[in-house]
Protein backbone atom coordinates (compact mmCIF):
# COMPACT_ATOMS: atom_id res chain seq x y z
CA UNK A 1 12.18 1.17 -15.32
CA UNK A 2 10.36 2.99 -12.69
CA UNK A 3 7.02 1.95 -11.16
CA UNK A 4 4.90 4.56 -12.40
CA UNK A 5 2.15 4.27 -10.06
CA UNK A 6 4.59 4.93 -6.77
CA UNK A 7 7.14 7.19 -8.23
CA UNK A 8 6.02 10.75 -8.27
CA UNK A 9 8.14 13.86 -8.47
CA UNK A 10 6.60 17.28 -7.96
CA UNK A 11 6.45 19.98 -10.74
CA UNK A 12 5.18 23.31 -10.95
CA UNK A 13 1.73 22.46 -11.05
CA UNK A 14 1.12 18.72 -10.60
CA UNK A 15 2.70 15.31 -9.86
CA UNK A 16 5.22 13.74 -12.24
CA UNK A 17 4.29 9.94 -12.65
CA UNK A 18 7.95 8.66 -13.45
CA UNK A 19 8.73 6.34 -16.52
CA UNK A 20 12.30 6.63 -16.99
CA UNK A 21 15.51 8.47 -16.17
CA UNK A 22 18.59 8.93 -18.15
CA UNK A 23 22.10 10.78 -17.04
CA UNK A 24 23.39 13.86 -18.85
CA UNK A 25 26.81 14.37 -17.81
CA UNK A 26 30.28 14.39 -20.04
CA UNK A 27 30.91 10.87 -19.91
CA UNK A 28 27.18 9.66 -20.23
CA UNK A 29 24.69 11.33 -22.15
CA UNK A 30 21.98 10.36 -24.57
CA UNK A 31 24.36 10.70 -27.58
CA UNK A 32 21.19 10.97 -29.96
CA UNK A 33 21.16 14.61 -28.80
CA UNK A 34 24.44 15.67 -30.07
CA UNK A 35 28.05 14.70 -30.76
CA UNK A 36 29.39 16.07 -27.44
CA UNK A 37 28.22 17.02 -23.90
CA UNK A 38 27.80 20.65 -24.48
CA UNK A 39 25.94 19.92 -27.83
CA UNK A 40 23.67 17.83 -25.79
CA UNK A 41 22.84 20.20 -23.22
CA UNK A 42 22.23 22.94 -26.00
CA UNK A 43 19.41 20.84 -27.27
CA UNK A 44 17.75 21.21 -23.81
CA UNK A 45 18.65 24.67 -23.55
CA UNK A 46 20.85 23.89 -20.46
CA UNK A 47 24.26 25.07 -19.51
CA UNK A 48 26.95 22.51 -19.68
CA UNK A 49 27.66 22.01 -16.08
CA UNK A 50 30.77 19.69 -15.00
CA UNK A 51 28.97 17.59 -12.65
CA UNK A 52 25.99 17.17 -15.27
CA UNK A 53 22.25 16.56 -14.63
CA UNK A 54 19.73 13.70 -14.16
CA UNK A 55 16.86 13.86 -16.70
CA UNK A 56 13.45 12.28 -15.25
CA UNK A 57 10.88 11.58 -17.93
CA UNK A 58 7.31 11.22 -17.20
CA UNK A 59 3.69 12.25 -17.35
CA UNK A 60 1.55 14.60 -15.30
CA UNK A 61 -1.89 13.95 -13.73
CA UNK A 62 -3.58 14.83 -17.19
CA UNK A 63 -0.64 12.82 -19.38
CA UNK A 64 1.23 15.45 -20.61
CA UNK A 65 4.76 14.75 -21.31
CA UNK A 66 7.44 16.43 -19.09
CA UNK A 67 11.11 16.32 -18.63
CA UNK A 68 12.25 17.40 -15.07
CA UNK A 69 15.86 18.19 -14.77
CA UNK A 70 17.82 17.45 -11.50
CA UNK A 71 21.16 18.05 -10.24
CA UNK A 72 21.33 15.10 -7.92
CA UNK A 73 23.22 12.89 -10.61
CA UNK A 74 23.95 10.46 -8.01
CA UNK A 75 20.49 9.82 -7.34
CA UNK A 76 19.17 9.23 -10.92
CA UNK A 77 22.54 7.04 -11.47
CA UNK A 78 21.59 4.90 -8.71
CA UNK A 79 18.14 4.77 -9.93
CA UNK A 80 19.01 3.89 -13.83
CA UNK A 81 21.37 1.05 -12.25
CA UNK A 82 18.84 -0.31 -10.07
CA UNK A 83 16.38 -0.39 -13.06
CA UNK A 84 18.98 -2.14 -15.35
CA UNK A 85 19.31 -4.86 -12.67
CA UNK A 86 15.62 -5.61 -12.86
CA UNK A 87 15.15 -3.87 -9.14
CA UNK A 88 12.66 -1.54 -8.20
CA UNK A 89 13.53 1.98 -7.13
CA UNK A 90 11.44 4.85 -5.90
CA UNK A 91 13.02 7.81 -7.91
CA UNK A 92 11.63 10.99 -5.96
CA UNK A 93 14.12 13.80 -6.16
CA UNK A 94 13.70 16.24 -3.76
CA UNK A 95 12.20 19.84 -4.86
CA UNK A 96 15.48 21.66 -4.07
CA UNK A 97 17.46 19.48 -6.47
CA UNK A 98 15.24 20.31 -9.69
CA UNK A 99 16.67 22.82 -12.04
CA UNK A 100 13.90 22.94 -14.82
CA UNK A 101 10.64 21.13 -15.73
CA UNK A 102 10.60 21.22 -19.59
CA UNK A 103 7.63 20.34 -21.46
CA UNK A 104 8.06 17.23 -23.85
CA UNK A 105 10.64 14.56 -23.76
CA UNK A 106 13.72 14.61 -25.89
CA UNK A 107 13.91 10.75 -26.03
CA UNK A 108 11.54 8.29 -27.37
CA UNK A 109 9.70 6.76 -24.76
CA UNK A 110 7.70 3.47 -25.38
CA UNK A 111 5.74 3.05 -22.08
CA UNK A 112 3.08 5.33 -20.47
CA UNK A 113 1.89 5.66 -16.88
CA UNK A 114 -1.50 3.66 -16.30
CA UNK A 115 -4.73 5.26 -15.26
CA UNK A 116 -4.12 8.62 -17.18
CA UNK A 117 -4.55 9.77 -20.59
CA UNK A 118 -2.11 8.43 -23.33
CA UNK A 119 1.35 10.51 -23.44
CA UNK A 120 0.87 14.08 -25.39
CA UNK A 121 2.28 17.44 -25.29
CA UNK A 122 1.37 19.72 -22.84
CA UNK A 123 -1.37 22.36 -23.47
CA UNK A 124 -0.12 25.49 -24.71
CA UNK A 125 -1.11 27.72 -21.77
CA UNK A 126 0.84 25.19 -19.65
CA UNK A 127 4.30 26.35 -20.51
CA UNK A 128 6.08 29.02 -22.35
CA UNK A 129 8.82 26.94 -23.21
CA UNK A 130 9.12 24.96 -26.86
CA UNK A 131 8.12 21.58 -26.21
CA UNK A 132 10.76 18.79 -26.54
CA UNK A 133 10.42 16.05 -28.99
CA UNK A 134 12.66 13.14 -29.98
CA UNK A 135 15.25 13.90 -32.79
CA UNK A 136 13.83 12.28 -36.13
CA UNK A 137 15.47 8.90 -36.74
CA UNK A 138 12.99 7.84 -39.64
CA UNK A 139 15.84 8.92 -42.23
CA UNK A 140 19.63 8.41 -41.94
CA UNK A 141 21.52 11.56 -40.34
CA UNK A 142 23.25 12.58 -37.21
CA UNK A 143 20.93 11.40 -34.68
CA UNK A 144 20.53 7.91 -36.55
CA UNK A 145 24.17 7.56 -37.34
CA UNK A 146 24.95 8.20 -33.29
CA UNK A 147 22.13 5.65 -32.34
CA UNK A 148 23.88 2.96 -34.71
CA UNK A 149 27.23 3.71 -32.98
CA UNK A 150 25.47 3.00 -29.48
CA UNK A 151 23.99 -0.12 -30.86
CA UNK A 152 27.56 -1.25 -31.91
CA UNK A 153 29.04 -0.32 -28.45
CA UNK A 154 26.15 -2.15 -26.53
CA UNK A 155 26.30 -5.24 -28.90
CA UNK A 156 30.00 -5.44 -29.71
CA UNK A 157 30.12 -9.18 -29.81
CA UNK A 158 27.65 -9.59 -32.53
CA UNK A 159 29.15 -6.88 -34.62
CA UNK A 160 32.33 -8.13 -34.08
CA UNK A 161 31.43 -11.61 -35.26
CA UNK A 162 30.77 -10.59 -38.56
CA UNK A 163 34.22 -9.40 -39.29
CA UNK A 164 37.08 -11.68 -40.40
CA UNK A 165 40.54 -10.32 -39.90
CA UNK A 166 41.66 -11.93 -43.04
CA UNK A 167 39.39 -9.49 -45.11
CA UNK A 168 41.61 -6.51 -43.68
CA UNK A 169 44.40 -5.13 -45.87
CA UNK A 170 48.03 -5.65 -44.43
CA UNK A 171 47.79 -2.18 -43.72
CA UNK A 172 44.92 -0.09 -41.79
CA UNK A 173 41.88 -0.18 -44.11
CA UNK A 174 38.46 -1.03 -43.89
CA UNK A 175 35.74 -3.14 -45.01
CA UNK A 176 32.34 -2.36 -45.38
CA UNK A 177 29.54 -4.16 -43.95
CA UNK A 178 25.65 -3.00 -44.78
CA UNK A 179 23.88 -3.03 -41.46
CA UNK A 180 19.95 -2.76 -41.28
CA UNK A 181 19.96 0.96 -42.01
CA UNK A 182 18.45 1.81 -38.26
CA UNK A 183 15.03 0.55 -38.85
CA UNK A 184 15.53 -2.72 -36.76
CA UNK A 185 18.04 -3.36 -34.11
CA UNK A 186 19.24 -6.49 -35.50
CA UNK A 187 22.23 -6.74 -37.73
CA UNK A 188 21.84 -7.89 -41.12
CA UNK A 189 23.26 -11.41 -40.70
CA UNK A 190 23.30 -12.06 -44.75
CA UNK A 191 25.66 -9.10 -45.59
CA UNK A 192 29.25 -10.39 -45.18
CA UNK A 193 32.23 -7.96 -44.56
CA UNK A 194 34.15 -7.59 -47.85
CA UNK A 195 37.73 -6.32 -48.17
CA UNK A 196 37.95 -3.00 -49.57
CA UNK A 197 40.74 -0.61 -50.41
CA UNK A 198 41.32 2.62 -48.00
CA UNK A 199 37.90 4.52 -47.54
CA UNK A 200 38.19 8.11 -48.10
CA UNK A 201 35.71 8.91 -45.14
CA UNK A 202 37.44 6.31 -43.01
CA UNK A 203 40.74 8.10 -43.72
CA UNK A 204 39.39 11.49 -42.88
CA UNK A 205 37.75 10.31 -39.44
CA UNK A 206 41.04 8.63 -38.53
CA UNK A 207 42.87 11.91 -39.05
CA UNK A 208 40.35 14.09 -37.47
CA UNK A 209 40.55 11.43 -34.16
CA UNK A 210 44.14 12.24 -34.16
CA UNK A 211 43.73 15.78 -34.25
CA UNK A 212 41.81 15.48 -30.98
CA UNK A 213 45.18 14.49 -29.30
CA UNK A 214 46.58 18.06 -30.34
CA UNK A 215 43.58 20.24 -29.90
CA UNK A 216 41.22 18.76 -26.93
CA UNK A 217 37.69 18.67 -28.20
CA UNK A 218 34.54 19.64 -26.89
CA UNK A 219 33.67 17.77 -23.67
CA UNK A 220 32.54 14.16 -24.14
CA UNK A 221 33.68 13.97 -27.99
CA UNK A 222 35.83 11.04 -26.57
CA UNK A 223 34.48 8.72 -24.03
CA UNK A 224 35.81 5.57 -22.40
CA UNK A 225 33.83 2.79 -20.76
CA UNK A 226 34.32 -0.61 -19.14
CA UNK A 227 34.69 -3.56 -21.55
CA UNK A 228 35.90 -7.17 -20.65
CA UNK A 229 39.45 -7.79 -19.32
CA UNK A 230 41.85 -5.14 -19.58
CA UNK A 231 40.36 -3.38 -22.24
CA UNK A 232 38.14 -0.50 -22.77
CA UNK A 233 35.22 0.79 -25.04
CA UNK A 234 36.01 3.87 -26.92
CA UNK A 235 33.61 6.19 -28.27
CA UNK A 236 34.43 9.07 -30.26
CA UNK A 237 32.28 11.74 -32.47
CA UNK A 238 32.98 14.29 -34.68
CA UNK A 239 31.07 16.46 -37.59
CA UNK A 240 29.50 13.80 -39.68
CA UNK A 241 30.89 10.49 -37.94
CA UNK A 242 31.02 8.34 -35.02
CA UNK A 243 33.68 5.61 -34.06
CA UNK A 244 33.27 2.74 -31.73
CA UNK A 245 36.18 0.74 -30.49
CA UNK A 246 37.85 -1.36 -28.30
CA UNK A 247 41.26 -0.74 -27.11
CA UNK A 248 42.65 -4.29 -27.50
CA UNK A 249 40.58 -4.69 -31.27
CA UNK A 250 39.28 -3.00 -34.17
CA UNK A 251 37.01 -0.34 -34.61
CA UNK A 252 33.70 0.54 -36.57
CA UNK A 253 33.15 4.03 -38.32
CA UNK A 254 29.69 5.46 -39.25
CA UNK A 255 29.51 8.43 -41.66
CA UNK A 256 26.60 10.56 -42.38
CA UNK A 257 27.59 10.52 -45.97
CA UNK A 258 27.21 6.51 -45.89
CA UNK A 259 23.71 5.65 -44.86
CA UNK A 260 23.44 2.78 -43.18
CA UNK A 261 26.79 1.63 -43.75
CA UNK A 262 29.03 0.31 -40.85
CA UNK A 263 33.00 0.30 -41.90
CA UNK A 264 35.18 -1.89 -39.78
CA UNK A 265 38.61 -0.67 -39.61
CA UNK A 266 41.35 -3.36 -39.02
CA UNK A 267 44.05 -3.16 -36.29
CA UNK A 268 47.10 -2.71 -38.58
CA UNK A 269 50.38 -0.89 -37.64
CA UNK A 270 48.46 2.55 -36.46
CA UNK A 271 44.93 1.87 -35.26
CA UNK A 272 46.50 0.57 -31.58
CA UNK A 273 48.43 3.49 -30.72
CA UNK A 274 45.65 5.89 -31.63
CA UNK A 275 43.06 4.15 -29.37
CA UNK A 276 45.70 3.96 -26.59
CA UNK A 277 46.18 7.73 -27.08
CA UNK A 278 42.49 8.77 -27.30
CA UNK A 279 41.70 6.55 -23.99
CA UNK A 280 44.13 8.55 -22.24
CA UNK A 281 42.18 11.64 -23.13
CA UNK A 282 38.69 10.21 -22.98
CA UNK A 283 36.25 11.17 -20.52
CA UNK A 284 35.43 8.29 -17.92
CA UNK A 285 32.51 7.54 -15.59
CA UNK A 286 33.39 8.82 -12.24
């Protein structure tokens, strides 16, 4: 997180006190905004450039929320990596790198700049653009489903520890684990996975994911990230579903039609080959 009393970015009328920043690239974008990179860009009214963008979120001098879009992706990547390591970093993009200054925030930000009014929407006369606001995650839907998949990818060991391989059928199947419904980031420790016959929704997800091997999906629908050892963490999304997996392990599926449920998919005879093939077509961080 930036030091808000030092980091400022010049906008059209005022300085921006930087609170945080995120990447918007084919390999790494706020998945809450869409199932793929072009959809996430469209949510902000941006063309899906191949190199992507950096999104700098902050407040102006009167406390209004603004999102500054920059094309200096490397600068934002360094800042985010530094903050993740607990290091200070003065994120001050050059004015020439600013693509747009959008009113509001597309993501929830829990902090505020000190010494100025609390975060609020810009005044109506300050912009002609629609004011951005975070997607509604108060009820189960696509945004919350994707956030749930994010949590599983980030906390793989916790979710994996709830699944006993002995509960899986001999062939690819699934067992249902009831998580917290997205209202709390902690897994439901009292809900033990249980063996279940093949789930129709999971079968549909696996079929659609296999379809990505023959017909390339929109950019960013399948992403591959580092994991421990030689494994990769895979993330795939589609209409109404998200899949999180490790190439050396099982997968988890979340469905719009199954509020708050996480459905593990056992290795079986088919999943390893599918995951390996998806990893070959996935977008990877540069």
